[in-house]
Amino acid sequence: MKTFNTLRVIFTLIGLGMLAGAFFSFQSTSTFLETATAKPGVVTDLIYSRSSDSGTYYPVVRFEDEQGRSVEFQSSSGSNPASYARG
């Protein structure tokens, strides 16, 4: 019976910790979306990354920022087949 109560407390604390983490993650994403601006971009390349059992295509995107500077980045999310095409 004592072990059951200890496990209940441990799992309750873990659940509360995960709930707090989800709340802060939501707040961070919400704040980002409120301040972010949308810009048109162009897929300049598709980077193929192979793991032991599959491969994934990651788009490289170029756009101009608020000051007119060209910014290029590789997306952290990819797919197979590729979700985007060059151009």
N, C-alpha and C. Protein backbone atom coordinates (compact mmCIF):
# COMPACT_ATOMS: atom_id res chain seq x y z
N MET A 1 0.82 -1.19 0.00
CA MET A 1 0.00 0.00 0.00
C MET A 1 0.86 1.26 0.00
N LYS A 2 1.96 1.22 0.77
CA LYS A 2 2.86 2.37 0.83
C LYS A 2 3.53 2.60 -0.52
N THR A 3 3.90 1.52 -1.20
CA THR A 3 4.53 1.62 -2.52
C THR A 3 3.55 2.23 -3.52
N PHE A 4 2.29 1.85 -3.45
CA PHE A 4 1.28 2.39 -4.35
C PHE A 4 1.14 3.90 -4.17
N ASN A 5 1.12 4.37 -2.94
CA ASN A 5 1.00 5.80 -2.66
C ASN A 5 2.24 6.55 -3.15
N THR A 6 3.39 5.96 -3.00
CA THR A 6 4.63 6.58 -3.47
C THR A 6 4.61 6.71 -4.99
N LEU A 7 4.18 5.64 -5.67
CA LEU A 7 4.09 5.69 -7.13
C LEU A 7 3.06 6.73 -7.58
N ARG A 8 1.97 6.82 -6.88
CA ARG A 8 0.94 7.81 -7.22
C ARG A 8 1.51 9.22 -7.12
N VAL A 9 2.27 9.50 -6.08
CA VAL A 9 2.87 10.83 -5.90
C VAL A 9 3.88 11.09 -7.01
N ILE A 10 4.71 10.11 -7.32
CA ILE A 10 5.73 10.27 -8.37
C ILE A 10 5.07 10.55 -9.71
N PHE A 11 4.07 9.76 -10.09
CA PHE A 11 3.41 9.96 -11.38
C PHE A 11 2.62 11.26 -11.42
N THR A 12 2.06 11.67 -10.30
CA THR A 12 1.37 12.96 -10.24
C THR A 12 2.35 14.09 -10.48
N LEU A 13 3.52 14.03 -9.84
CA LEU A 13 4.54 15.07 -10.04
C LEU A 13 5.05 15.09 -11.48
N ILE A 14 5.26 13.91 -12.05
CA ILE A 14 5.69 13.84 -13.45
C ILE A 14 4.62 14.44 -14.36
N GLY A 15 3.36 14.10 -14.13
CA GLY A 15 2.26 14.64 -14.92
C GLY A 15 2.16 16.16 -14.80
N LEU A 16 2.31 16.67 -13.59
CA LEU A 16 2.27 18.13 -13.40
C LEU A 16 3.44 18.81 -14.09
N GLY A 17 4.60 18.18 -14.04
CA GLY A 17 5.77 18.73 -14.74
C GLY A 17 5.56 18.77 -16.24
N MET A 18 4.99 17.71 -16.79
CA MET A 18 4.72 17.67 -18.23
C MET A 18 3.65 18.70 -18.61
N LEU A 19 2.66 18.88 -17.77
CA LEU A 19 1.62 19.88 -18.02
C LEU A 19 2.22 21.29 -18.01
N ALA A 20 3.10 21.56 -17.06
CA ALA A 20 3.76 22.88 -17.00
C ALA A 20 4.63 23.08 -18.24
N GLY A 21 5.36 22.05 -18.66
CA GLY A 21 6.18 22.16 -19.86
C GLY A 21 5.34 22.44 -21.10
N ALA A 22 4.20 21.78 -21.22
CA ALA A 22 3.31 22.01 -22.36
C ALA A 22 2.77 23.44 -22.34
N PHE A 23 2.44 23.95 -21.17
CA PHE A 23 1.94 25.32 -21.05
C PHE A 23 2.99 26.33 -21.50
N PHE A 24 4.24 26.17 -21.03
CA PHE A 24 5.29 27.11 -21.42
C PHE A 24 5.63 27.00 -22.90
N SER A 25 5.57 25.81 -23.44
CA SER A 25 5.79 25.64 -24.88
C SER A 25 4.70 26.34 -25.67
N PHE A 26 3.45 26.21 -25.25
CA PHE A 26 2.34 26.88 -25.90
C PHE A 26 2.51 28.40 -25.83
N GLN A 27 2.88 28.91 -24.67
CA GLN A 27 3.07 30.36 -24.49
C GLN A 27 4.16 30.86 -25.42
N SER A 28 5.26 30.14 -25.51
CA SER A 28 6.37 30.55 -26.36
C SER A 28 5.96 30.59 -27.83
N THR A 29 5.27 29.55 -28.28
CA THR A 29 4.81 29.50 -29.67
C THR A 29 3.80 30.59 -29.95
N SER A 30 2.89 30.82 -29.03
CA SER A 30 1.87 31.85 -29.19
C SER A 30 2.50 33.23 -29.30
N THR A 31 3.48 33.54 -28.46
CA THR A 31 4.17 34.82 -28.50
C THR A 31 4.91 34.98 -29.82
N PHE A 32 5.57 33.92 -30.28
CA PHE A 32 6.27 33.98 -31.56
C PHE A 32 5.31 34.28 -32.70
N LEU A 33 4.19 33.60 -32.74
CA LEU A 33 3.22 33.78 -33.82
C LEU A 33 2.60 35.18 -33.81
N GLU A 34 2.46 35.78 -32.63
CA GLU A 34 1.92 37.14 -32.54
C GLU A 34 2.88 38.17 -33.11
N THR A 35 4.19 37.92 -33.00
CA THR A 35 5.18 38.92 -33.42
C THR A 35 5.81 38.60 -34.77
N ALA A 36 5.60 37.42 -35.30
CA ALA A 36 6.22 37.02 -36.57
C ALA A 36 5.52 37.70 -37.74
N THR A 37 6.28 37.92 -38.81
CA THR A 37 5.70 38.45 -40.04
C THR A 37 5.89 37.42 -41.14
N ALA A 38 4.92 37.34 -42.03
CA ALA A 38 4.99 36.39 -43.14
C ALA A 38 5.72 37.05 -44.31
N LYS A 39 6.60 36.31 -44.93
CA LYS A 39 7.35 36.79 -46.09
C LYS A 39 7.32 35.72 -47.16
N PRO A 40 7.19 36.12 -48.43
CA PRO A 40 7.27 35.11 -49.49
C PRO A 40 8.71 34.64 -49.63
N GLY A 41 8.87 33.36 -49.91
CA GLY A 41 10.20 32.79 -50.08
C GLY A 41 10.25 31.87 -51.28
N VAL A 42 11.46 31.47 -51.63
CA VAL A 42 11.69 30.58 -52.76
C VAL A 42 12.51 29.40 -52.29
N VAL A 43 12.10 28.19 -52.65
CA VAL A 43 12.90 27.00 -52.35
C VAL A 43 14.05 26.97 -53.36
N THR A 44 15.27 27.10 -52.85
CA THR A 44 16.45 27.15 -53.72
C THR A 44 17.11 25.80 -53.89
N ASP A 45 16.86 24.88 -52.95
CA ASP A 45 17.51 23.57 -53.03
C ASP A 45 16.74 22.59 -52.15
N LEU A 46 16.97 21.32 -52.40
CA LEU A 46 16.44 20.26 -51.55
C LEU A 46 17.63 19.43 -51.09
N ILE A 47 17.86 19.37 -49.80
CA ILE A 47 18.98 18.62 -49.23
C ILE A 47 18.47 17.23 -48.84
N TYR A 48 19.11 16.20 -49.40
CA TYR A 48 18.72 14.82 -49.11
C TYR A 48 19.58 14.31 -47.96
N SER A 49 18.94 13.81 -46.94
CA SER A 49 19.64 13.24 -45.80
C SER A 49 19.20 11.80 -45.64
N ARG A 50 20.18 10.89 -45.59
CA ARG A 50 19.88 9.47 -45.49
C ARG A 50 20.24 8.95 -44.11
N SER A 51 19.29 8.24 -43.51
CA SER A 51 19.58 7.54 -42.26
C SER A 51 19.74 6.06 -42.59
N SER A 52 19.82 5.23 -41.60
CA SER A 52 20.08 3.81 -41.84
C SER A 52 18.98 3.12 -42.64
N ASP A 53 17.73 3.57 -42.50
CA ASP A 53 16.64 2.85 -43.16
C ASP A 53 15.76 3.71 -44.07
N SER A 54 16.02 5.01 -44.16
CA SER A 54 15.21 5.87 -45.02
C SER A 54 15.94 7.17 -45.36
N GLY A 55 15.33 7.96 -46.22
CA GLY A 55 15.90 9.24 -46.58
C GLY A 55 14.85 10.33 -46.49
N THR A 56 15.30 11.56 -46.29
CA THR A 56 14.40 12.70 -46.14
C THR A 56 14.93 13.89 -46.91
N TYR A 57 14.03 14.66 -47.53
CA TYR A 57 14.38 15.88 -48.25
C TYR A 57 14.05 17.10 -47.40
N TYR A 58 15.04 17.97 -47.19
CA TYR A 58 14.86 19.20 -46.43
C TYR A 58 14.97 20.39 -47.37
N PRO A 59 13.95 21.26 -47.43
CA PRO A 59 14.04 22.40 -48.33
C PRO A 59 14.97 23.48 -47.79
N VAL A 60 15.68 24.13 -48.70
CA VAL A 60 16.46 25.32 -48.38
C VAL A 60 15.67 26.49 -48.96
N VAL A 61 15.35 27.48 -48.12
CA VAL A 61 14.47 28.57 -48.50
C VAL A 61 15.22 29.90 -48.42
N ARG A 62 14.99 30.77 -49.41
CA ARG A 62 15.57 32.12 -49.40
C ARG A 62 14.43 33.14 -49.42
N PHE A 63 14.58 34.19 -48.61
CA PHE A 63 13.60 35.28 -48.59
C PHE A 63 14.32 36.57 -48.21
N GLU A 64 13.65 37.69 -48.37
CA GLU A 64 14.20 38.98 -47.97
C GLU A 64 13.57 39.41 -46.65
N ASP A 65 14.42 39.87 -45.70
CA ASP A 65 13.90 40.31 -44.41
C ASP A 65 13.40 41.75 -44.50
N GLU A 66 13.00 42.31 -43.38
CA GLU A 66 12.44 43.66 -43.32
C GLU A 66 13.40 44.73 -43.86
N GLN A 67 14.71 44.51 -43.73
CA GLN A 67 15.71 45.47 -44.20
C GLN A 67 16.15 45.20 -45.64
N GLY A 68 15.55 44.23 -46.29
CA GLY A 68 15.89 43.92 -47.67
C GLY A 68 17.09 42.99 -47.83
N ARG A 69 17.57 42.43 -46.73
CA ARG A 69 18.70 41.49 -46.79
C ARG A 69 18.20 40.10 -47.17
N SER A 70 18.98 39.42 -47.96
CA SER A 70 18.64 38.06 -48.37
C SER A 70 19.00 37.09 -47.24
N VAL A 71 18.04 36.27 -46.85
CA VAL A 71 18.24 35.28 -45.78
C VAL A 71 17.96 33.91 -46.36
N GLU A 72 18.84 32.95 -46.10
CA GLU A 72 18.65 31.59 -46.59
C GLU A 72 18.81 30.64 -45.41
N PHE A 73 17.93 29.66 -45.32
CA PHE A 73 18.01 28.68 -44.24
C PHE A 73 17.53 27.32 -44.72
N GLN A 74 18.01 26.30 -44.05
CA GLN A 74 17.53 24.94 -44.31
C GLN A 74 16.49 24.61 -43.25
N SER A 75 15.32 24.16 -43.70
CA SER A 75 14.25 23.82 -42.77
C SER A 75 14.67 22.67 -41.86
N SER A 76 14.18 22.70 -40.65
CA SER A 76 14.49 21.60 -39.71
C SER A 76 13.52 20.44 -39.88
N SER A 77 12.48 20.62 -40.70
CA SER A 77 11.57 19.51 -40.95
C SER A 77 11.58 19.16 -42.43
N GLY A 78 11.62 17.89 -42.70
CA GLY A 78 11.68 17.40 -44.07
C GLY A 78 10.67 16.29 -44.28
N SER A 79 10.64 15.75 -45.50
CA SER A 79 9.69 14.69 -45.82
C SER A 79 10.22 13.84 -46.97
N ASN A 80 9.59 12.71 -47.18
CA ASN A 80 9.89 11.86 -48.31
C ASN A 80 8.58 11.22 -48.76
N PRO A 81 8.08 11.58 -49.92
CA PRO A 81 8.72 12.39 -50.95
C PRO A 81 8.77 13.86 -50.53
N ALA A 82 9.57 14.64 -51.26
CA ALA A 82 9.73 16.06 -50.94
C ALA A 82 8.40 16.79 -51.04
N SER A 83 8.11 17.64 -50.07
CA SER A 83 6.86 18.40 -50.05
C SER A 83 6.93 19.62 -50.97
N TYR A 84 8.15 20.04 -51.33
CA TYR A 84 8.35 21.22 -52.14
C TYR A 84 9.26 20.90 -53.32
N ALA A 85 9.23 21.77 -54.31
CA ALA A 85 10.13 21.65 -55.46
C ALA A 85 10.96 22.93 -55.55
N ARG A 86 12.12 22.85 -56.16
CA ARG A 86 12.94 24.04 -56.36
C ARG A 86 12.15 25.07 -57.17
N GLY A 87 12.31 26.32 -56.77
CA GLY A 87 11.66 27.41 -57.48
C GLY A 87 10.29 27.69 -56.94
